[in-house]
C-alpha atoms as a PDB file:
ATOM      1  CA  MET A   1       9.345 -10.994  12.202  1.00  0.00           C
ATOM      2  CA  ASP A   2       7.874 -10.073  15.554  1.00  0.00           C
ATOM      3  CA  GLU A   3      11.159 -10.474  17.406  1.00  0.00           C
ATOM      4  CA  TYR A   4      13.168  -8.426  14.895  1.00  0.00           C
ATOM      5  CA  LEU A   5      10.633  -5.602  15.017  1.00  0.00           C
ATOM      6  CA  GLN A   6      10.529  -5.700  18.807  1.00  0.00           C
ATOM      7  CA  ASN A   7      14.321  -5.442  18.823  1.00  0.00           C
ATOM      8  CA  ASN A   8      14.145  -2.177  16.889  1.00  0.00           C
ATOM      9  CA  ALA A   9      15.143  -3.429  13.451  1.00  0.00           C
ATOM     10  CA  GLY A  10      15.153  -0.566  10.963  1.00  0.00           C
ATOM     11  CA  LYS A  11      13.101  -2.702   8.582  1.00  0.00           C
ATOM     12  CA  VAL A  12      12.075  -6.320   8.073  1.00  0.00           C
ATOM     13  CA  VAL A  13      11.539  -7.693   4.585  1.00  0.00           C
ATOM     14  CA  VAL A  14       9.614 -10.949   4.177  1.00  0.00           C
ATOM     15  CA  PHE A  15      10.639 -12.669   0.934  1.00  0.00           C
ATOM     16  CA  ASP A  16       8.196 -15.539   0.378  1.00  0.00           C
ATOM     17  CA  ASP A  17       6.237 -17.084  -2.494  1.00  0.00           C
ATOM     18  CA  PHE A  18       3.537 -18.271  -0.044  1.00  0.00           C
ATOM     19  CA  SER A  19       3.391 -21.667  -1.734  1.00  0.00           C
ATOM     20  CA  THR A  20       3.018 -23.290   1.685  1.00  0.00           C
ATOM     21  CA  GLY A  21       3.112 -20.370   4.097  1.00  0.00           C
ATOM     22  CA  THR A  22       0.158 -18.060   4.569  1.00  0.00           C
ATOM     23  CA  MET A  23      -0.312 -14.318   4.662  1.00  0.00           C
ATOM     24  CA  GLU A  24      -2.517 -14.841   7.727  1.00  0.00           C
ATOM     25  CA  ASN A  25       0.661 -15.311   9.763  1.00  0.00           C
ATOM     26  CA  LEU A  26       1.489 -11.653   9.140  1.00  0.00           C
ATOM     27  CA  THR A  27      -1.880  -9.927   9.483  1.00  0.00           C
ATOM     28  CA  HIS A  28      -1.380  -9.288  13.208  1.00  0.00           C
ATOM     29  CA  ILE A  29       1.619  -7.064  12.461  1.00  0.00           C
ATOM     30  CA  HIS A  30       0.789  -3.397  11.940  1.00  0.00           C
ATOM     31  CA  ASP A  31       4.168  -1.790  11.454  1.00  0.00           C
ATOM     32  CA  ASP A  32       5.435   0.365   8.599  1.00  0.00           C
ATOM     33  CA  ARG A  33       8.864  -1.241   8.948  1.00  0.00           C
ATOM     34  CA  LEU A  34       7.493  -4.531   7.597  1.00  0.00           C
ATOM     35  CA  LYS A  35       7.667  -5.056   3.838  1.00  0.00           C
ATOM     36  CA  ILE A  36       6.389  -8.159   2.039  1.00  0.00           C
ATOM     37  CA  VAL A  37       7.818  -9.367  -1.274  1.00  0.00           C
ATOM     38  CA  ASN A  38       5.897 -12.194  -2.955  1.00  0.00           C
ATOM     39  CA  ALA A  39       8.661 -14.060  -4.758  1.00  0.00           C
ATOM     40  CA  SER A  40      10.620 -17.314  -4.748  1.00  0.00           C
ATOM     41  CA  ILE A  41      14.226 -17.856  -3.657  1.00  0.00           C
ATOM     42  CA  LEU A  42      14.644 -19.653  -6.983  1.00  0.00           C
ATOM     43  CA  ASP A  43      14.382 -16.224  -8.624  1.00  0.00           C
ATOM     44  CA  ARG A  44      17.962 -15.115  -8.070  1.00  0.00           C
ATOM     45  CA  LYS A  45      17.521 -11.873 -10.001  1.00  0.00           C
ATOM     46  CA  LYS A  46      14.636 -10.760  -7.792  1.00  0.00           C
ATOM     47  CA  LEU A  47      16.416 -11.926  -4.646  1.00  0.00           C
ATOM     48  CA  ASP A  48      19.511  -9.931  -5.585  1.00  0.00           C
ATOM     49  CA  GLU A  49      17.420  -6.881  -6.420  1.00  0.00           C
ATOM     50  CA  VAL A  50      15.620  -6.896  -3.051  1.00  0.00           C
ATOM     51  CA  ILE A  51      18.754  -7.503  -0.968  1.00  0.00           C
ATOM     52  CA  ARG A  52      20.581  -4.718  -2.786  1.00  0.00           C
ATOM     53  CA  LYS A  53      17.709  -2.213  -2.857  1.00  0.00           C
ATOM     54  CA  GLU A  54      16.679  -2.765   0.773  1.00  0.00           C
ATOM     55  CA  GLN A  55      20.315  -2.891   1.965  1.00  0.00           C
ATOM     56  CA  ILE A  56      19.710  -6.092   3.878  1.00  0.00           C
ATOM     57  CA  ARG A  57      22.229  -6.775   6.650  1.00  0.00           C
ATOM     58  CA  ILE A  58      20.891 -10.038   8.076  1.00  0.00           C
ATOM     59  CA  ILE A  59      19.209 -12.915   6.257  1.00  0.00           C
ATOM     60  CA  ASP A  60      17.178 -15.379   8.315  1.00  0.00           C
ATOM     61  CA  HIS A  61      16.787 -18.148   5.745  1.00  0.00           C
ATOM     62  CA  GLN A  62      13.626 -20.115   6.544  1.00  0.00           C
ATOM     63  CA  ALA A  63      12.421 -20.718   2.988  1.00  0.00           C
ATOM     64  CA  ALA A  64      12.231 -24.429   2.178  1.00  0.00           C
ATOM     65  CA  GLU A  65      10.313 -27.336   0.790  1.00  0.00           C
ATOM     66  CA  LEU A  66       9.668 -28.827   4.213  1.00  0.00           C
ATOM     67  CA  GLU A  67       7.009 -31.407   3.456  1.00  0.00           C
ATOM     68  CA  VAL A  68       8.667 -34.806   3.773  1.00  0.00           C
ATOM     69  CA  TYR A  69       6.129 -36.463   1.483  1.00  0.00           C
ATOM     70  CA  THR A  70       6.788 -33.923  -1.256  1.00  0.00           C
ATOM     71  CA  GLY A  71      10.456 -34.855  -1.167  1.00  0.00           C
ATOM     72  CA  ILE A  72       9.573 -38.537  -1.440  1.00  0.00           C
ATOM     73  CA  ARG A  73       7.164 -38.011  -4.327  1.00  0.00           C
ATOM     74  CA  ASN A  74       9.042 -35.227  -6.083  1.00  0.00           C
ATOM     75  CA  THR A  75      12.729 -35.357  -5.180  1.00  0.00           C
ATOM     76  CA  GLU A  76      13.647 -32.878  -7.912  1.00  0.00           C
ATOM     77  CA  LYS A  77      11.367 -30.193  -6.457  1.00  0.00           C
ATOM     78  CA  ASP A  78      12.722 -30.821  -2.958  1.00  0.00           C
ATOM     79  CA  ALA A  79      16.320 -30.535  -4.156  1.00  0.00           C
ATOM     80  CA  SER A  80      15.625 -27.500  -6.319  1.00  0.00           C
ATOM     81  CA  ILE A  81      14.207 -25.406  -3.487  1.00  0.00           C
ATOM     82  CA  ASN A  82      16.321 -26.637  -0.582  1.00  0.00           C
ATOM     83  CA  ILE A  83      19.672 -26.880  -2.370  1.00  0.00           C
ATOM     84  CA  PHE A  84      19.610 -24.478  -5.308  1.00  0.00           C
ATOM     85  CA  GLY A  85      17.367 -22.017  -3.478  1.00  0.00           C
ATOM     86  CA  THR A  86      19.861 -21.941  -0.611  1.00  0.00           C
ATOM     87  CA  LEU A  87      22.720 -21.452  -3.068  1.00  0.00           C
ATOM     88  CA  ASN A  88      20.879 -18.421  -4.443  1.00  0.00           C
ATOM     89  CA  VAL A  89      20.580 -17.015  -0.931  1.00  0.00           C
ATOM     90  CA  LEU A  90      24.281 -17.587  -0.220  1.00  0.00           C
ATOM     91  CA  GLU A  91      25.469 -16.197  -3.562  1.00  0.00           C
ATOM     92  CA  THR A  92      23.378 -13.043  -3.292  1.00  0.00           C
ATOM     93  CA  ALA A  93      24.336 -12.577   0.361  1.00  0.00           C
ATOM     94  CA  LEU A  94      28.012 -12.758  -0.555  1.00  0.00           C
ATOM     95  CA  LYS A  95      27.596 -10.457  -3.556  1.00  0.00           C
ATOM     96  CA  ASN A  96      25.777  -7.817  -1.502  1.00  0.00           C
ATOM     97  CA  LYS A  97      28.046  -8.048   1.542  1.00  0.00           C
ATOM     98  CA  VAL A  98      25.329  -9.273   3.914  1.00  0.00           C
ATOM     99  CA  GLU A  99      26.698  -9.349   7.466  1.00  0.00           C
ATOM    100  CA  LYS A 100      25.009 -12.533   8.722  1.00  0.00           C
ATOM    101  CA  VAL A 101      23.079 -15.497   7.340  1.00  0.00           C
ATOM    102  CA  LEU A 102      21.059 -17.755   9.657  1.00  0.00           C
ATOM    103  CA  PHE A 103      20.072 -21.058   8.084  1.00  0.00           C
ATOM    104  CA  ALA A 104      17.154 -23.178   9.290  1.00  0.00           C
ATOM    105  CA  SER A 105      18.156 -26.809   8.866  1.00  0.00           C
ATOM    106  CA  SER A 106      16.625 -29.854  10.539  1.00  0.00           C
ATOM    107  CA  GLY A 107      17.359 -32.776  12.804  1.00  0.00           C
ATOM    108  CA  ALA A 108      16.206 -34.851   9.823  1.00  0.00           C
ATOM    109  CA  VAL A 109      19.848 -34.809   8.671  1.00  0.00           C
ATOM    110  CA  TYR A 110      20.644 -37.432  11.345  1.00  0.00           C
ATOM    111  CA  GLY A 111      18.182 -40.160  10.393  1.00  0.00           C
ATOM    112  CA  GLU A 112      17.518 -42.916  12.899  1.00  0.00           C
ATOM    113  CA  ALA A 113      19.262 -42.448  16.239  1.00  0.00           C
ATOM    114  CA  HIS A 114      22.407 -44.461  16.986  1.00  0.00           C
ATOM    115  CA  TYR A 115      22.273 -42.998  20.500  1.00  0.00           C
ATOM    116  CA  LEU A 116      20.178 -40.505  22.453  1.00  0.00           C
ATOM    117  CA  PRO A 117      20.165 -37.611  22.631  1.00  0.00           C
ATOM    118  CA  MET A 118      21.787 -37.011  19.230  1.00  0.00           C
ATOM    119  CA  ASP A 119      24.538 -34.387  19.312  1.00  0.00           C
ATOM    120  CA  GLU A 120      26.124 -32.561  16.370  1.00  0.00           C
ATOM    121  CA  ASN A 121      28.716 -35.349  15.986  1.00  0.00           C
ATOM    122  CA  HIS A 122      26.059 -38.019  15.456  1.00  0.00           C
ATOM    123  CA  PRO A 123      26.329 -39.878  12.109  1.00  0.00           C
ATOM    124  CA  LEU A 124      24.482 -38.095   9.296  1.00  0.00           C
ATOM    125  CA  GLU A 125      22.273 -40.709   7.640  1.00  0.00           C
ATOM    126  CA  PRO A 126      19.004 -39.009   6.628  1.00  0.00           C
ATOM    127  CA  HIS A 127      15.999 -41.241   5.952  1.00  0.00           C
ATOM    128  CA  TRP A 128      14.278 -38.972   3.458  1.00  0.00           C
ATOM    129  CA  PRO A 129      15.187 -36.786   0.449  1.00  0.00           C
ATOM    130  CA  TYR A 130      14.235 -33.812   2.639  1.00  0.00           C
ATOM    131  CA  GLY A 131      17.036 -34.648   5.081  1.00  0.00           C
ATOM    132  CA  VAL A 132      19.474 -35.143   2.204  1.00  0.00           C
ATOM    133  CA  SER A 133      18.662 -31.742   0.672  1.00  0.00           C
ATOM    134  CA  LYS A 134      18.916 -30.004   4.048  1.00  0.00           C
ATOM    135  CA  LEU A 135      22.279 -31.645   4.707  1.00  0.00           C
ATOM    136  CA  CYS A 136      23.559 -30.594   1.297  1.00  0.00           C
ATOM    137  CA  ALA A 137      22.399 -27.017   1.946  1.00  0.00           C
ATOM    138  CA  GLU A 138      24.159 -27.083   5.334  1.00  0.00           C
ATOM    139  CA  ARG A 139      27.404 -28.118   3.676  1.00  0.00           C
ATOM    140  CA  TYR A 140      27.177 -25.251   1.217  1.00  0.00           C
ATOM    141  CA  CYS A 141      26.565 -22.829   4.104  1.00  0.00           C
ATOM    142  CA  ILE A 142      29.696 -23.956   5.930  1.00  0.00           C
ATOM    143  CA  GLN A 143      31.679 -24.007   2.677  1.00  0.00           C
ATOM    144  CA  PHE A 144      30.753 -20.373   2.007  1.00  0.00           C
ATOM    145  CA  TYR A 145      31.979 -19.523   5.502  1.00  0.00           C
ATOM    146  CA  LYS A 146      35.279 -21.351   5.098  1.00  0.00           C
ATOM    147  CA  LEU A 147      35.991 -20.429   1.484  1.00  0.00           C
ATOM    148  CA  PHE A 148      34.544 -16.924   1.191  1.00  0.00           C
ATOM    149  CA  GLY A 149      34.290 -15.714   4.786  1.00  0.00           C
ATOM    150  CA  LEU A 150      30.502 -15.354   4.731  1.00  0.00           C
ATOM    151  CA  ASP A 151      29.223 -15.300   8.328  1.00  0.00           C
ATOM    152  CA  VAL A 152      26.757 -18.195   8.426  1.00  0.00           C
ATOM    153  CA  THR A 153      25.222 -20.091  11.336  1.00  0.00           C
ATOM    154  CA  VAL A 154      23.305 -23.346  10.846  1.00  0.00           C
ATOM    155  CA  PHE A 155      20.524 -24.507  13.167  1.00  0.00           C
ATOM    156  CA  ARG A 156      19.260 -28.081  13.254  1.00  0.00           C
ATOM    157  CA  TYR A 157      15.750 -27.822  14.629  1.00  0.00           C
ATOM    158  CA  SER A 158      13.915 -30.502  16.517  1.00  0.00           C
ATOM    159  CA  ILE A 159      10.096 -30.313  16.113  1.00  0.00           C
ATOM    160  CA  VAL A 160       9.072 -26.662  16.400  1.00  0.00           C
ATOM    161  CA  PHE A 161       5.636 -25.974  17.880  1.00  0.00           C
ATOM    162  CA  GLY A 162       3.526 -23.079  19.078  1.00  0.00           C
ATOM    163  CA  PRO A 163       0.947 -20.569  17.819  1.00  0.00           C
ATOM    164  CA  ARG A 164       0.605 -20.320  14.001  1.00  0.00           C
ATOM    165  CA  GLU A 165       2.136 -23.782  13.537  1.00  0.00           C
ATOM    166  CA  TRP A 166       1.397 -25.295  10.131  1.00  0.00           C
ATOM    167  CA  PHE A 167      -1.005 -28.219  10.098  1.00  0.00           C
ATOM    168  CA  GLY A 168       0.238 -31.691   9.280  1.00  0.00           C
ATOM    169  CA  ARG A 169       2.440 -33.023  12.058  1.00  0.00           C
ATOM    170  CA  VAL A 170       1.312 -35.518  14.690  1.00  0.00           C
ATOM    171  CA  LEU A 171       0.945 -32.840  17.372  1.00  0.00           C
ATOM    172  CA  THR A 172      -1.320 -30.653  15.245  1.00  0.00           C
ATOM    173  CA  MET A 173      -3.381 -33.652  14.141  1.00  0.00           C
ATOM    174  CA  PHE A 174      -3.898 -34.662  17.771  1.00  0.00           C
ATOM    175  CA  ILE A 175      -4.883 -31.135  18.811  1.00  0.00           C
ATOM    176  CA  LYS A 176      -7.302 -30.750  15.902  1.00  0.00           C
ATOM    177  CA  ARG A 177      -9.039 -34.073  16.548  1.00  0.00           C
ATOM    178  CA  ILE A 178      -9.283 -33.599  20.322  1.00  0.00           C
ATOM    179  CA  PHE A 179     -10.033 -29.884  20.659  1.00  0.00           C
ATOM    180  CA  LEU A 180     -11.764 -28.972  17.383  1.00  0.00           C
ATOM    181  CA  GLU A 181     -13.411 -32.206  16.231  1.00  0.00           C
ATOM    182  CA  HIS A 182     -13.968 -33.802  19.667  1.00  0.00           C
ATOM    183  CA  LYS A 183     -12.567 -37.106  18.407  1.00  0.00           C
ATOM    184  CA  PRO A 184      -9.963 -39.417  19.956  1.00  0.00           C
ATOM    185  CA  PRO A 185      -6.371 -39.163  18.690  1.00  0.00           C
ATOM    186  CA  VAL A 186      -5.131 -41.911  16.370  1.00  0.00           C
ATOM    187  CA  ILE A 187      -1.673 -43.345  17.078  1.00  0.00           C
ATOM    188  CA  PHE A 188       0.326 -45.281  14.508  1.00  0.00           C
ATOM    189  CA  GLY A 189       2.167 -48.331  15.853  1.00  0.00           C
ATOM    190  CA  ASP A 190       2.737 -48.822  19.566  1.00  0.00           C
ATOM    191  CA  GLY A 191       3.058 -45.125  20.401  1.00  0.00           C
ATOM    192  CA  LYS A 192       6.499 -45.568  21.981  1.00  0.00           C
ATOM    193  CA  GLN A 193       8.201 -43.450  19.339  1.00  0.00           C
ATOM    194  CA  LEU A 194      10.118 -40.600  20.998  1.00  0.00           C
ATOM    195  CA  ARG A 195       9.855 -37.014  19.778  1.00  0.00           C
ATOM    196  CA  ASP A 196      11.583 -33.781  20.809  1.00  0.00           C
ATOM    197  CA  TYR A 197       9.606 -30.513  20.760  1.00  0.00           C
ATOM    198  CA  VAL A 198      11.013 -26.983  21.033  1.00  0.00           C
ATOM    199  CA  TYR A 199       8.778 -23.949  21.497  1.00  0.00           C
ATOM    200  CA  VAL A 200       8.916 -21.429  18.675  1.00  0.00           C
ATOM    201  CA  ARG A 201       9.769 -18.389  20.811  1.00  0.00           C
ATOM    202  CA  ASP A 202      12.678 -20.228  22.430  1.00  0.00           C
ATOM    203  CA  LEU A 203      13.971 -21.102  18.970  1.00  0.00           C
ATOM    204  CA  VAL A 204      13.741 -17.469  17.916  1.00  0.00           C
ATOM    205  CA  GLN A 205      15.919 -16.525  20.871  1.00  0.00           C
ATOM    206  CA  ALA A 206      18.623 -18.868  19.558  1.00  0.00           C
ATOM    207  CA  HIS A 207      18.654 -16.827  16.356  1.00  0.00           C
ATOM    208  CA  MET A 208      18.905 -13.561  18.274  1.00  0.00           C
ATOM    209  CA  LEU A 209      21.876 -14.858  20.279  1.00  0.00           C
ATOM    210  CA  ALA A 210      23.637 -16.042  17.121  1.00  0.00           C
ATOM    211  CA  ILE A 211      23.379 -12.526  15.706  1.00  0.00           C
ATOM    212  CA  GLU A 212      24.840 -11.029  18.884  1.00  0.00           C
ATOM    213  CA  LYS A 213      27.720 -13.466  19.371  1.00  0.00           C
ATOM    214  CA  GLU A 214      30.585 -13.571  16.870  1.00  0.00           C
ATOM    215  CA  LYS A 215      31.595 -17.107  17.828  1.00  0.00           C
ATOM    216  CA  SER A 216      28.398 -18.410  16.223  1.00  0.00           C
ATOM    217  CA  ALA A 217      30.003 -17.912  12.796  1.00  0.00           C
ATOM    218  CA  GLY A 218      30.592 -21.146  10.908  1.00  0.00           C
ATOM    219  CA  GLN A 219      28.903 -23.234  13.598  1.00  0.00           C
ATOM    220  CA  VAL A 220      26.169 -25.872  13.447  1.00  0.00           C
ATOM    221  CA  PHE A 221      23.819 -26.030  16.444  1.00  0.00           C
ATOM    222  CA  ASN A 222      20.999 -28.299  17.492  1.00  0.00           C
ATOM    223  CA  VAL A 223      18.039 -26.294  18.794  1.00  0.00           C
ATOM    224  CA  SER A 224      15.880 -28.563  20.907  1.00  0.00           C
ATOM    225  CA  SER A 225      14.385 -29.309  24.283  1.00  0.00           C
ATOM    226  CA  GLY A 226      16.847 -32.172  24.680  1.00  0.00           C
ATOM    227  CA  LYS A 227      14.001 -34.266  26.065  1.00  0.00           C
ATOM    228  CA  GLY A 228      11.923 -36.973  24.437  1.00  0.00           C
ATOM    229  CA  ILE A 229       8.219 -37.551  24.844  1.00  0.00           C
ATOM    230  CA  SER A 230       6.517 -40.647  23.441  1.00  0.00           C
ATOM    231  CA  VAL A 231       3.692 -40.241  20.954  1.00  0.00           C
ATOM    232  CA  GLU A 232       1.393 -42.100  23.359  1.00  0.00           C
ATOM    233  CA  ASP A 233       2.295 -39.809  26.285  1.00  0.00           C
ATOM    234  CA  LEU A 234       1.718 -36.805  24.025  1.00  0.00           C
ATOM    235  CA  ALA A 235      -1.762 -38.033  23.144  1.00  0.00           C
ATOM    236  CA  ARG A 236      -2.614 -38.780  26.774  1.00  0.00           C
ATOM    237  CA  LYS A 237      -1.422 -35.337  27.923  1.00  0.00           C
ATOM    238  CA  LEU A 238      -3.617 -33.636  25.343  1.00  0.00           C
ATOM    239  CA  VAL A 239      -6.668 -35.712  26.224  1.00  0.00           C
ATOM    240  CA  LYS A 240      -6.148 -34.891  29.899  1.00  0.00           C
ATOM    241  CA  LEU A 241      -5.812 -31.174  29.155  1.00  0.00           C
ATOM    242  CA  SER A 242      -9.036 -31.294  27.158  1.00  0.00           C
ATOM    243  CA  GLY A 243     -10.982 -32.767  30.080  1.00  0.00           C
ATOM    244  CA  LYS A 244     -12.795 -35.051  27.634  1.00  0.00           C
ATOM    245  CA  SER A 245     -13.469 -38.771  27.954  1.00  0.00           C
ATOM    246  CA  LEU A 246     -11.714 -40.032  24.852  1.00  0.00           C
ATOM    247  CA  GLU A 247     -10.156 -43.455  24.331  1.00  0.00           C
ATOM    248  CA  ILE A 248      -6.974 -43.331  22.266  1.00  0.00           C
ATOM    249  CA  ILE A 249      -7.119 -45.347  19.030  1.00  0.00           C
ATOM    250  CA  PHE A 250      -4.105 -47.417  17.972  1.00  0.00           C
ATOM    251  CA  ASP A 251      -3.784 -48.136  14.259  1.00  0.00           C
ATOM    252  CA  ASN A 252      -1.034 -49.862  12.310  1.00  0.00           C
ATOM    253  CA  PRO A 253      -1.334 -49.104   8.577  1.00  0.00           C
ATOM    254  CA  GLU A 254       1.544 -49.979   6.265  1.00  0.00           C
ATOM    255  CA  GLU A 255       3.997 -47.178   5.511  1.00  0.00           C
ATOM    256  CA  GLY A 256       2.576 -45.047   2.735  1.00  0.00           C
ATOM    257  CA  LYS A 257      -0.982 -46.218   3.456  1.00  0.00           C
ATOM    258  CA  ALA A 258      -3.866 -44.311   5.033  1.00  0.00           C
ATOM    259  CA  SER A 259      -5.412 -44.942   8.445  1.00  0.00           C
ATOM    260  CA  LYS A 260      -8.812 -46.623   8.438  1.00  0.00           C
ATOM    261  CA  TYR A 261      -9.786 -44.416  11.378  1.00  0.00           C
ATOM    262  CA  GLN A 262      -8.401 -41.217   9.894  1.00  0.00           C
ATOM    263  CA  PRO A 263      -8.461 -41.681   6.080  1.00  0.00           C
ATOM    264  CA  GLU A 264      -6.931 -38.290   5.334  1.00  0.00           C
ATOM    265  CA  ARG A 265      -3.802 -39.276   7.237  1.00  0.00           C
ATOM    266  CA  VAL A 266      -1.100 -41.390   5.574  1.00  0.00           C
ATOM    267  CA  ARG A 267       1.670 -43.155   7.470  1.00  0.00           C
ATOM    268  CA  LEU A 268       5.067 -41.726   6.622  1.00  0.00           C
ATOM    269  CA  LYS A 269       7.603 -43.920   4.869  1.00  0.00           C
ATOM    270  CA  GLY A 270      10.847 -44.333   6.777  1.00  0.00           C
ATOM    271  CA  GLU A 271       9.314 -43.181  10.047  1.00  0.00           C
ATOM    272  CA  LEU A 272      11.912 -42.538  12.749  1.00  0.00           C
ATOM    273  CA  ARG A 273      11.665 -44.563  15.943  1.00  0.00           C
ATOM    274  CA  ASN A 274      13.512 -42.053  18.123  1.00  0.00           C
ATOM    275  CA  PHE A 275      14.171 -38.352  17.571  1.00  0.00           C
ATOM    276  CA  VAL A 276      15.733 -36.439  20.470  1.00  0.00           C
ATOM    277  CA  LEU A 277      18.462 -33.830  19.931  1.00  0.00           C
ATOM    278  CA  ASP A 278      21.186 -32.858  22.376  1.00  0.00           C
ATOM    279  CA  ASN A 279      21.412 -29.083  22.965  1.00  0.00           C
ATOM    280  CA  GLU A 280      24.604 -28.914  25.044  1.00  0.00           C
ATOM    281  CA  LYS A 281      26.657 -27.222  22.314  1.00  0.00           C
ATOM    282  CA  ILE A 282      24.343 -24.227  21.880  1.00  0.00           C
ATOM    283  CA  ARG A 283      24.079 -23.890  25.656  1.00  0.00           C
ATOM    284  CA  LYS A 284      27.873 -23.734  25.894  1.00  0.00           C
ATOM    285  CA  PHE A 285      28.565 -21.486  22.877  1.00  0.00           C
ATOM    286  CA  LEU A 286      25.643 -19.063  23.017  1.00  0.00           C
ATOM    287  CA  GLY A 287      24.255 -19.425  26.531  1.00  0.00           C
ATOM    288  CA  TRP A 288      20.906 -20.485  25.083  1.00  0.00           C
ATOM    289  CA  GLU A 289      18.420 -22.737  26.829  1.00  0.00           C
ATOM    290  CA  PRO A 290      14.762 -23.622  26.276  1.00  0.00           C
ATOM    291  CA  LYS A 291      12.735 -21.623  28.779  1.00  0.00           C
ATOM    292  CA  THR A 292       9.174 -22.611  27.879  1.00  0.00           C
ATOM    293  CA  SER A 293       7.896 -25.824  29.442  1.00  0.00           C
ATOM    294  CA  PHE A 294       6.187 -28.283  27.147  1.00  0.00           C
ATOM    295  CA  LYS A 295       2.864 -27.854  28.964  1.00  0.00           C
ATOM    296  CA  GLU A 296       3.059 -24.059  28.807  1.00  0.00           C
ATOM    297  CA  GLY A 297       3.831 -24.138  25.082  1.00  0.00           C
ATOM    298  CA  ILE A 298       1.045 -26.619  24.346  1.00  0.00           C
ATOM    299  CA  LEU A 299      -1.499 -24.506  26.216  1.00  0.00           C
ATOM    300  CA  LYS A 300      -0.492 -21.458  24.164  1.00  0.00           C
ATOM    301  CA  GLU A 301      -0.874 -23.379  20.925  1.00  0.00           C
ATOM    302  CA  ILE A 302      -4.255 -24.763  21.961  1.00  0.00           C
ATOM    303  CA  GLU A 303      -5.435 -21.280  22.964  1.00  0.00           C
ATOM    304  CA  TRP A 304      -4.375 -19.935  19.567  1.00  0.00           C
ATOM    305  CA  ILE A 305      -6.144 -22.624  17.530  1.00  0.00           C
ATOM    306  CA  LEU A 306      -9.336 -22.317  19.586  1.00  0.00           C
ATOM    307  CA  GLU A 307      -9.312 -18.601  18.756  1.00  0.00           C
ATOM    308  CA  ASN A 308      -8.525 -19.330  15.084  1.00  0.00           C
ATOM    309  CA  PRO A 309     -10.323 -22.622  14.269  1.00  0.00           C
ATOM    310  CA  ASN A 310     -10.286 -22.016  10.526  1.00  0.00           C
ATOM    311  CA  ARG A 311      -6.500 -22.032  10.331  1.00  0.00           C
ATOM    312  CA  TRP A 312      -6.283 -25.831  10.256  1.00  0.00           C
ATOM    313  CA  LYS A 313      -9.125 -26.418   7.819  1.00  0.00           C
ATOM    314  CA  VAL A 314      -6.590 -27.607   5.301  1.00  0.00           C
ATOM    315  CA  LYS A 315      -5.323 -30.890   3.909  1.00  0.00           C
ATOM    316  CA  PRO A 316      -2.523 -32.438   5.999  1.00  0.00           C
ATOM    317  CA  ARG A 317       0.910 -31.726   4.535  1.00  0.00           C
ATOM    318  CA  VAL A 318       2.632 -34.942   5.601  1.00  0.00           C
END
């Protein structure tokens, strides 16, 4: 929202049922151009009404069931929101002659890496129902472009981080334990798992470029740092930044079981060993590149959570 308002958008309408998101993410915005509609993308009638009434030109489709564990435990819910919800967005966009649809997909569509970094031609073998539903939604997006001429761009995100990040991923769990609870981080396995983090503001710039450049239509882009960092290195960097004397704890619970050191945390089933996305295509097509260093982004996220310690007083999502 911030970026659209700063770029002189006539209005920005947030369409969200706040089932996982929070209104607190919007309280810093004091702008009459912002309108909030509390509704679900599964409500096609309401979605159509808002798009038509507000004369929406661009849809930035971020709504999703993004909790991997929810998809494992309740595949029907995951599919309903991510597939049929996306179909509602596409159908109403087409009906109301929306000029551009930006779809937030995920690197989860790839599954375990056959090679690194994974480019857009990598085999699509998702490990979880979440990745399957996102891949299906992607295919519908591209089909609407090819069959109906709807201008759609798909983004496969790596792990997005920064201020106002939702709590539940490894990075947020590490930050909370180290900086808020003054406890050592708990690593599952050997800590050699590779992860790729992209700063939220850099990701937003990819969306802005896709709106500006016509050749983004019908394309699928990875949005990533293109670099991997091991879970162990991540933990050590955070401990060093904290200046605290904390010894990292290694735990090895079975998949689907909780950690004895961190009982509220359950090990994900089908955990990926390596997750690093290639970003060469988006660099070439849109001239995008990640500009925020990992350290700079981490410091901004830590600063935010220290100023807002209550924001992560929630149950982990995954």
